Amino acid sequence: MAGKKQVEETPLTLEESFERLEETIARLEDEDISLEDAFVAYSEGMKLLKNCNEQIDRVEKKVLKLAEDGGLEEL
């Protein structure tokens, strides 16, 4: 595996994740999509959805911490 390049992607913002998720949904709604392409799009969509949920959870925890203390503390 020494020949493989390791590509580190910059994490998507929540807005970028939602935008890509909408694009993925549009591909899945296309009547001409093959089963294989639909499966790939579905898998991508699930990863994006997980990313969105994780980001929302982090923000929610920060808001709850802010509400408790009156100040923001990194989790």
PDB file of N, CA and C in Angstrom:
ATOM      1  N   MET A   1       0.804  -1.193   0.000  1.00  0.00           N
ATOM      2  CA  MET A   1       0.000   0.000   0.000  1.00  0.00           C
ATOM      3  C   MET A   1       0.847   1.256   0.000  1.00  0.00           C
ATOM      4  N   ALA A   2       2.143   1.078  -0.136  1.00  0.00           N
ATOM      5  CA  ALA A   2       3.026   2.230  -0.115  1.00  0.00           C
ATOM      6  C   ALA A   2       2.810   3.108  -1.335  1.00  0.00           C
ATOM      7  N   GLY A   3       2.282   2.542  -2.420  1.00  0.00           N
ATOM      8  CA  GLY A   3       2.084   3.305  -3.635  1.00  0.00           C
ATOM      9  C   GLY A   3       0.827   4.152  -3.635  1.00  0.00           C
ATOM     10  N   LYS A   4      -0.055   3.916  -2.697  1.00  0.00           N
ATOM     11  CA  LYS A   4      -1.307   4.672  -2.656  1.00  0.00           C
ATOM     12  C   LYS A   4      -1.085   6.040  -2.047  1.00  0.00           C
ATOM     13  N   LYS A   5      -1.696   7.032  -2.652  1.00  0.00           N
ATOM     14  CA  LYS A   5      -1.647   8.379  -2.090  1.00  0.00           C
ATOM     15  C   LYS A   5      -2.751   8.506  -1.063  1.00  0.00           C
ATOM     16  N   GLN A   6      -2.406   9.101   0.041  1.00  0.00           N
ATOM     17  CA  GLN A   6      -3.412   9.331   1.066  1.00  0.00           C
ATOM     18  C   GLN A   6      -3.953  10.741   0.876  1.00  0.00           C
ATOM     19  N   VAL A   7      -5.236  10.834   0.621  1.00  0.00           N
ATOM     20  CA  VAL A   7      -5.872  12.122   0.402  1.00  0.00           C
ATOM     21  C   VAL A   7      -6.685  12.465   1.639  1.00  0.00           C
ATOM     22  N   GLU A   8      -6.339  13.585   2.246  1.00  0.00           N
ATOM     23  CA  GLU A   8      -7.095  14.040   3.403  1.00  0.00           C
ATOM     24  C   GLU A   8      -8.066  15.112   2.940  1.00  0.00           C
ATOM     25  N   GLU A   9      -9.343  14.817   3.074  1.00  0.00           N
ATOM     26  CA  GLU A   9     -10.362  15.767   2.661  1.00  0.00           C
ATOM     27  C   GLU A   9     -10.658  16.740   3.782  1.00  0.00           C
ATOM     28  N   THR A  10     -10.913  17.978   3.396  1.00  0.00           N
ATOM     29  CA  THR A  10     -11.345  18.968   4.363  1.00  0.00           C
ATOM     30  C   THR A  10     -12.781  18.636   4.738  1.00  0.00           C
ATOM     31  N   PRO A  11     -13.088  18.602   6.029  1.00  0.00           N
ATOM     32  CA  PRO A  11     -14.469  18.296   6.426  1.00  0.00           C
ATOM     33  C   PRO A  11     -15.450  19.299   5.820  1.00  0.00           C
ATOM     34  N   LEU A  12     -16.595  18.791   5.419  1.00  0.00           N
ATOM     35  CA  LEU A  12     -17.628  19.645   4.844  1.00  0.00           C
ATOM     36  C   LEU A  12     -18.329  20.429   5.943  1.00  0.00           C
ATOM     37  N   THR A  13     -18.733  21.635   5.606  1.00  0.00           N
ATOM     38  CA  THR A  13     -19.571  22.384   6.534  1.00  0.00           C
ATOM     39  C   THR A  13     -20.962  21.759   6.508  1.00  0.00           C
ATOM     40  N   LEU A  14     -21.778  22.127   7.459  1.00  0.00           N
ATOM     41  CA  LEU A  14     -23.140  21.606   7.506  1.00  0.00           C
ATOM     42  C   LEU A  14     -23.895  21.999   6.236  1.00  0.00           C
ATOM     43  N   GLU A  15     -23.704  23.230   5.800  1.00  0.00           N
ATOM     44  CA  GLU A  15     -24.384  23.708   4.595  1.00  0.00           C
ATOM     45  C   GLU A  15     -23.939  22.921   3.364  1.00  0.00           C
ATOM     46  N   GLU A  16     -22.629  22.651   3.256  1.00  0.00           N
ATOM     47  CA  GLU A  16     -22.123  21.873   2.127  1.00  0.00           C
ATOM     48  C   GLU A  16     -22.668  20.447   2.161  1.00  0.00           C
ATOM     49  N   SER A  17     -22.748  19.880   3.348  1.00  0.00           N
ATOM     50  CA  SER A  17     -23.292  18.527   3.485  1.00  0.00           C
ATOM     51  C   SER A  17     -24.753  18.479   3.051  1.00  0.00           C
ATOM     52  N   PHE A  18     -25.543  19.477   3.468  1.00  0.00           N
ATOM     53  CA  PHE A  18     -26.952  19.528   3.061  1.00  0.00           C
ATOM     54  C   PHE A  18     -27.074  19.686   1.547  1.00  0.00           C
ATOM     55  N   GLU A  19     -26.217  20.522   0.963  1.00  0.00           N
ATOM     56  CA  GLU A  19     -26.265  20.739  -0.483  1.00  0.00           C
ATOM     57  C   GLU A  19     -25.959  19.438  -1.230  1.00  0.00           C
ATOM     58  N   ARG A  20     -24.924  18.742  -0.800  1.00  0.00           N
ATOM     59  CA  ARG A  20     -24.580  17.467  -1.441  1.00  0.00           C
ATOM     60  C   ARG A  20     -25.664  16.423  -1.210  1.00  0.00           C
ATOM     61  N   LEU A  21     -26.274  16.449  -0.049  1.00  0.00           N
ATOM     62  CA  LEU A  21     -27.360  15.515   0.247  1.00  0.00           C
ATOM     63  C   LEU A  21     -28.543  15.769  -0.687  1.00  0.00           C
ATOM     64  N   GLU A  22     -28.856  17.031  -0.930  1.00  0.00           N
ATOM     65  CA  GLU A  22     -29.940  17.369  -1.864  1.00  0.00           C
ATOM     66  C   GLU A  22     -29.609  16.891  -3.275  1.00  0.00           C
ATOM     67  N   GLU A  23     -28.347  17.043  -3.689  1.00  0.00           N
ATOM     68  CA  GLU A  23     -27.931  16.568  -5.011  1.00  0.00           C
ATOM     69  C   GLU A  23     -28.057  15.045  -5.103  1.00  0.00           C
ATOM     70  N   THR A  24     -27.695  14.367  -4.031  1.00  0.00           N
ATOM     71  CA  THR A  24     -27.785  12.908  -3.995  1.00  0.00           C
ATOM     72  C   THR A  24     -29.235  12.453  -4.075  1.00  0.00           C
ATOM     73  N   ILE A  25     -30.107  13.129  -3.365  1.00  0.00           N
ATOM     74  CA  ILE A  25     -31.536  12.799  -3.408  1.00  0.00           C
ATOM     75  C   ILE A  25     -32.076  12.991  -4.819  1.00  0.00           C
ATOM     76  N   ALA A  26     -31.658  14.070  -5.477  1.00  0.00           N
ATOM     77  CA  ALA A  26     -32.107  14.318  -6.851  1.00  0.00           C
ATOM     78  C   ALA A  26     -31.657  13.188  -7.777  1.00  0.00           C
ATOM     79  N   ARG A  27     -30.431  12.700  -7.589  1.00  0.00           N
ATOM     80  CA  ARG A  27     -29.954  11.573  -8.411  1.00  0.00           C
ATOM     81  C   ARG A  27     -30.793  10.330  -8.156  1.00  0.00           C
ATOM     82  N   LEU A  28     -31.128  10.087  -6.892  1.00  0.00           N
ATOM     83  CA  LEU A  28     -31.929   8.903  -6.552  1.00  0.00           C
ATOM     84  C   LEU A  28     -33.349   8.994  -7.110  1.00  0.00           C
ATOM     85  N   GLU A  29     -33.854  10.202  -7.256  1.00  0.00           N
ATOM     86  CA  GLU A  29     -35.209  10.390  -7.782  1.00  0.00           C
ATOM     87  C   GLU A  29     -35.266  10.273  -9.298  1.00  0.00           C
ATOM     88  N   ASP A  30     -34.116  10.252  -9.956  1.00  0.00           N
ATOM     89  CA  ASP A  30     -34.054  10.124 -11.407  1.00  0.00           C
ATOM     90  C   ASP A  30     -34.505   8.719 -11.802  1.00  0.00           C
ATOM     91  N   GLU A  31     -35.500   8.642 -12.664  1.00  0.00           N
ATOM     92  CA  GLU A  31     -36.055   7.348 -13.073  1.00  0.00           C
ATOM     93  C   GLU A  31     -35.065   6.508 -13.867  1.00  0.00           C
ATOM     94  N   ASP A  32     -34.069   7.144 -14.472  1.00  0.00           N
ATOM     95  CA  ASP A  32     -33.128   6.426 -15.327  1.00  0.00           C
ATOM     96  C   ASP A  32     -31.890   5.924 -14.587  1.00  0.00           C
ATOM     97  N   ILE A  33     -31.834   6.088 -13.279  1.00  0.00           N
ATOM     98  CA  ILE A  33     -30.655   5.664 -12.523  1.00  0.00           C
ATOM     99  C   ILE A  33     -30.598   4.138 -12.459  1.00  0.00           C
ATOM    100  N   SER A  34     -29.398   3.601 -12.661  1.00  0.00           N
ATOM    101  CA  SER A  34     -29.237   2.145 -12.579  1.00  0.00           C
ATOM    102  C   SER A  34     -29.243   1.720 -11.113  1.00  0.00           C
ATOM    103  N   LEU A  35     -29.468   0.449 -10.896  1.00  0.00           N
ATOM    104  CA  LEU A  35     -29.491  -0.080  -9.536  1.00  0.00           C
ATOM    105  C   LEU A  35     -28.137   0.126  -8.860  1.00  0.00           C
ATOM    106  N   GLU A  36     -27.067  -0.122  -9.597  1.00  0.00           N
ATOM    107  CA  GLU A  36     -25.722   0.044  -9.040  1.00  0.00           C
ATOM    108  C   GLU A  36     -25.457   1.504  -8.669  1.00  0.00           C
ATOM    109  N   ASP A  37     -25.808   2.423  -9.566  1.00  0.00           N
ATOM    110  CA  ASP A  37     -25.620   3.849  -9.282  1.00  0.00           C
ATOM    111  C   ASP A  37     -26.499   4.302  -8.122  1.00  0.00           C
ATOM    112  N   ALA A  38     -27.696   3.743  -8.045  1.00  0.00           N
ATOM    113  CA  ALA A  38     -28.597   4.084  -6.940  1.00  0.00           C
ATOM    114  C   ALA A  38     -28.000   3.629  -5.611  1.00  0.00           C
ATOM    115  N   PHE A  39     -27.386   2.450  -5.601  1.00  0.00           N
ATOM    116  CA  PHE A  39     -26.771   1.953  -4.371  1.00  0.00           C
ATOM    117  C   PHE A  39     -25.604   2.841  -3.955  1.00  0.00           C
ATOM    118  N   VAL A  40     -24.783   3.252  -4.912  1.00  0.00           N
ATOM    119  CA  VAL A  40     -23.653   4.144  -4.618  1.00  0.00           C
ATOM    120  C   VAL A  40     -24.174   5.474  -4.079  1.00  0.00           C
ATOM    121  N   ALA A  41     -25.184   6.031  -4.731  1.00  0.00           N
ATOM    122  CA  ALA A  41     -25.758   7.303  -4.285  1.00  0.00           C
ATOM    123  C   ALA A  41     -26.371   7.166  -2.895  1.00  0.00           C
ATOM    124  N   TYR A  42     -27.045   6.057  -2.648  1.00  0.00           N
ATOM    125  CA  TYR A  42     -27.645   5.816  -1.332  1.00  0.00           C
ATOM    126  C   TYR A  42     -26.562   5.764  -0.253  1.00  0.00           C
ATOM    127  N   SER A  43     -25.479   5.053  -0.536  1.00  0.00           N
ATOM    128  CA  SER A  43     -24.370   4.953   0.423  1.00  0.00           C
ATOM    129  C   SER A  43     -23.769   6.324   0.707  1.00  0.00           C
ATOM    130  N   GLU A  44     -23.565   7.114  -0.338  1.00  0.00           N
ATOM    131  CA  GLU A  44     -23.040   8.473  -0.167  1.00  0.00           C
ATOM    132  C   GLU A  44     -24.001   9.311   0.665  1.00  0.00           C
ATOM    133  N   GLY A  45     -25.279   9.177   0.368  1.00  0.00           N
ATOM    134  CA  GLY A  45     -26.291   9.933   1.103  1.00  0.00           C
ATOM    135  C   GLY A  45     -26.308   9.587   2.582  1.00  0.00           C
ATOM    136  N   MET A  46     -26.159   8.312   2.890  1.00  0.00           N
ATOM    137  CA  MET A  46     -26.144   7.895   4.297  1.00  0.00           C
ATOM    138  C   MET A  46     -24.922   8.449   5.025  1.00  0.00           C
ATOM    139  N   LYS A  47     -23.779   8.489   4.358  1.00  0.00           N
ATOM    140  CA  LYS A  47     -22.574   9.073   4.960  1.00  0.00           C
ATOM    141  C   LYS A  47     -22.775  10.566   5.207  1.00  0.00           C
ATOM    142  N   LEU A  48     -23.373  11.241   4.234  1.00  0.00           N
ATOM    143  CA  LEU A  48     -23.641  12.672   4.385  1.00  0.00           C
ATOM    144  C   LEU A  48     -24.622  12.923   5.522  1.00  0.00           C
ATOM    145  N   LEU A  49     -25.650  12.100   5.604  1.00  0.00           N
ATOM    146  CA  LEU A  49     -26.639  12.238   6.674  1.00  0.00           C
ATOM    147  C   LEU A  49     -25.998  12.043   8.041  1.00  0.00           C
ATOM    148  N   LYS A  50     -25.122  11.061   8.148  1.00  0.00           N
ATOM    149  CA  LYS A  50     -24.409  10.820   9.408  1.00  0.00           C
ATOM    150  C   LYS A  50     -23.558  12.036   9.768  1.00  0.00           C
ATOM    151  N   ASN A  51     -22.869  12.595   8.780  1.00  0.00           N
ATOM    152  CA  ASN A  51     -22.047  13.782   9.004  1.00  0.00           C
ATOM    153  C   ASN A  51     -22.907  14.950   9.491  1.00  0.00           C
ATOM    154  N   CYS A  52     -24.060  15.151   8.867  1.00  0.00           N
ATOM    155  CA  CYS A  52     -24.972  16.228   9.277  1.00  0.00           C
ATOM    156  C   CYS A  52     -25.426  16.028  10.721  1.00  0.00           C
ATOM    157  N   ASN A  53     -25.825  14.813  11.052  1.00  0.00           N
ATOM    158  CA  ASN A  53     -26.287  14.521  12.413  1.00  0.00           C
ATOM    159  C   ASN A  53     -25.195  14.762  13.443  1.00  0.00           C
ATOM    160  N   GLU A  54     -23.961  14.362  13.127  1.00  0.00           N
ATOM    161  CA  GLU A  54     -22.849  14.571  14.055  1.00  0.00           C
ATOM    162  C   GLU A  54     -22.585  16.060  14.274  1.00  0.00           C
ATOM    163  N   GLN A  55     -22.622  16.832  13.193  1.00  0.00           N
ATOM    164  CA  GLN A  55     -22.390  18.272  13.315  1.00  0.00           C
ATOM    165  C   GLN A  55     -23.499  18.944  14.117  1.00  0.00           C
ATOM    166  N   ILE A  56     -24.734  18.556  13.869  1.00  0.00           N
ATOM    167  CA  ILE A  56     -25.864  19.130  14.608  1.00  0.00           C
ATOM    168  C   ILE A  56     -25.765  18.759  16.084  1.00  0.00           C
ATOM    169  N   ASP A  57     -25.377  17.528  16.382  1.00  0.00           N
ATOM    170  CA  ASP A  57     -25.212  17.101  17.779  1.00  0.00           C
ATOM    171  C   ASP A  57     -24.149  17.934  18.489  1.00  0.00           C
ATOM    172  N   ARG A  58     -23.027  18.196  17.806  1.00  0.00           N
ATOM    173  CA  ARG A  58     -21.965  19.008  18.417  1.00  0.00           C
ATOM    174  C   ARG A  58     -22.457  20.416  18.727  1.00  0.00           C
ATOM    175  N   VAL A  59     -23.174  21.010  17.794  1.00  0.00           N
ATOM    176  CA  VAL A  59     -23.698  22.363  18.009  1.00  0.00           C
ATOM    177  C   VAL A  59     -24.714  22.357  19.143  1.00  0.00           C
ATOM    178  N   GLU A  60     -25.573  21.359  19.167  1.00  0.00           N
ATOM    179  CA  GLU A  60     -26.585  21.267  20.221  1.00  0.00           C
ATOM    180  C   GLU A  60     -25.933  21.159  21.599  1.00  0.00           C
ATOM    181  N   LYS A  61     -24.876  20.366  21.709  1.00  0.00           N
ATOM    182  CA  LYS A  61     -24.170  20.238  22.985  1.00  0.00           C
ATOM    183  C   LYS A  61     -23.562  21.568  23.414  1.00  0.00           C
ATOM    184  N   LYS A  62     -23.017  22.312  22.462  1.00  0.00           N
ATOM    185  CA  LYS A  62     -22.443  23.621  22.782  1.00  0.00           C
ATOM    186  C   LYS A  62     -23.523  24.583  23.261  1.00  0.00           C
ATOM    187  N   VAL A  63     -24.681  24.552  22.613  1.00  0.00           N
ATOM    188  CA  VAL A  63     -25.786  25.429  23.006  1.00  0.00           C
ATOM    189  C   VAL A  63     -26.266  25.071  24.407  1.00  0.00           C
ATOM    190  N   LEU A  64     -26.397  23.783  24.685  1.00  0.00           N
ATOM    191  CA  LEU A  64     -26.828  23.355  26.018  1.00  0.00           C
ATOM    192  C   LEU A  64     -25.815  23.767  27.078  1.00  0.00           C
ATOM    193  N   LYS A  65     -24.539  23.624  26.771  1.00  0.00           N
ATOM    194  CA  LYS A  65     -23.494  24.021  27.712  1.00  0.00           C
ATOM    195  C   LYS A  65     -23.540  25.530  27.928  1.00  0.00           C
ATOM    196  N   LEU A  66     -23.758  26.275  26.861  1.00  0.00           N
ATOM    197  CA  LEU A  66     -23.864  27.730  26.948  1.00  0.00           C
ATOM    198  C   LEU A  66     -25.049  28.120  27.821  1.00  0.00           C
ATOM    199  N   ALA A  67     -26.161  27.445  27.642  1.00  0.00           N
ATOM    200  CA  ALA A  67     -27.366  27.746  28.415  1.00  0.00           C
ATOM    201  C   ALA A  67     -27.157  27.443  29.897  1.00  0.00           C
ATOM    202  N   GLU A  68     -26.404  26.402  30.206  1.00  0.00           N
ATOM    203  CA  GLU A  68     -26.153  26.034  31.600  1.00  0.00           C
ATOM    204  C   GLU A  68     -25.253  27.039  32.307  1.00  0.00           C
ATOM    205  N   ASP A  69     -24.161  27.390  31.661  1.00  0.00           N
ATOM    206  CA  ASP A  69     -23.126  28.185  32.306  1.00  0.00           C
ATOM    207  C   ASP A  69     -23.187  29.677  31.999  1.00  0.00           C
ATOM    208  N   GLY A  70     -23.856  30.026  30.950  1.00  0.00           N
ATOM    209  CA  GLY A  70     -23.841  31.420  30.527  1.00  0.00           C
ATOM    210  C   GLY A  70     -22.576  31.760  29.756  1.00  0.00           C
ATOM    211  N   GLY A  71     -21.716  30.793  29.562  1.00  0.00           N
ATOM    212  CA  GLY A  71     -20.494  30.975  28.784  1.00  0.00           C
ATOM    213  C   GLY A  71     -20.263  29.734  27.952  1.00  0.00           C
ATOM    214  N   LEU A  72     -19.458  29.848  26.921  1.00  0.00           N
ATOM    215  CA  LEU A  72     -19.223  28.724  26.022  1.00  0.00           C
ATOM    216  C   LEU A  72     -17.948  28.003  26.424  1.00  0.00           C
ATOM    217  N   GLU A  73     -18.052  26.691  26.538  1.00  0.00           N
ATOM    218  CA  GLU A  73     -16.901  25.866  26.875  1.00  0.00           C
ATOM    219  C   GLU A  73     -16.780  24.796  25.810  1.00  0.00           C
ATOM    220  N   GLU A  74     -15.599  24.654  25.220  1.00  0.00           N
ATOM    221  CA  GLU A  74     -15.367  23.652  24.193  1.00  0.00           C
ATOM    222  C   GLU A  74     -15.508  22.260  24.784  1.00  0.00           C
ATOM    223  N   LEU A  75     -16.205  21.377  24.059  1.00  0.00           N
ATOM    224  CA  LEU A  75     -16.383  19.995  24.528  1.00  0.00           C
ATOM    225  C   LEU A  75     -15.315  19.110  23.952  1.00  0.00           C
TER     226      LEU A  75
END
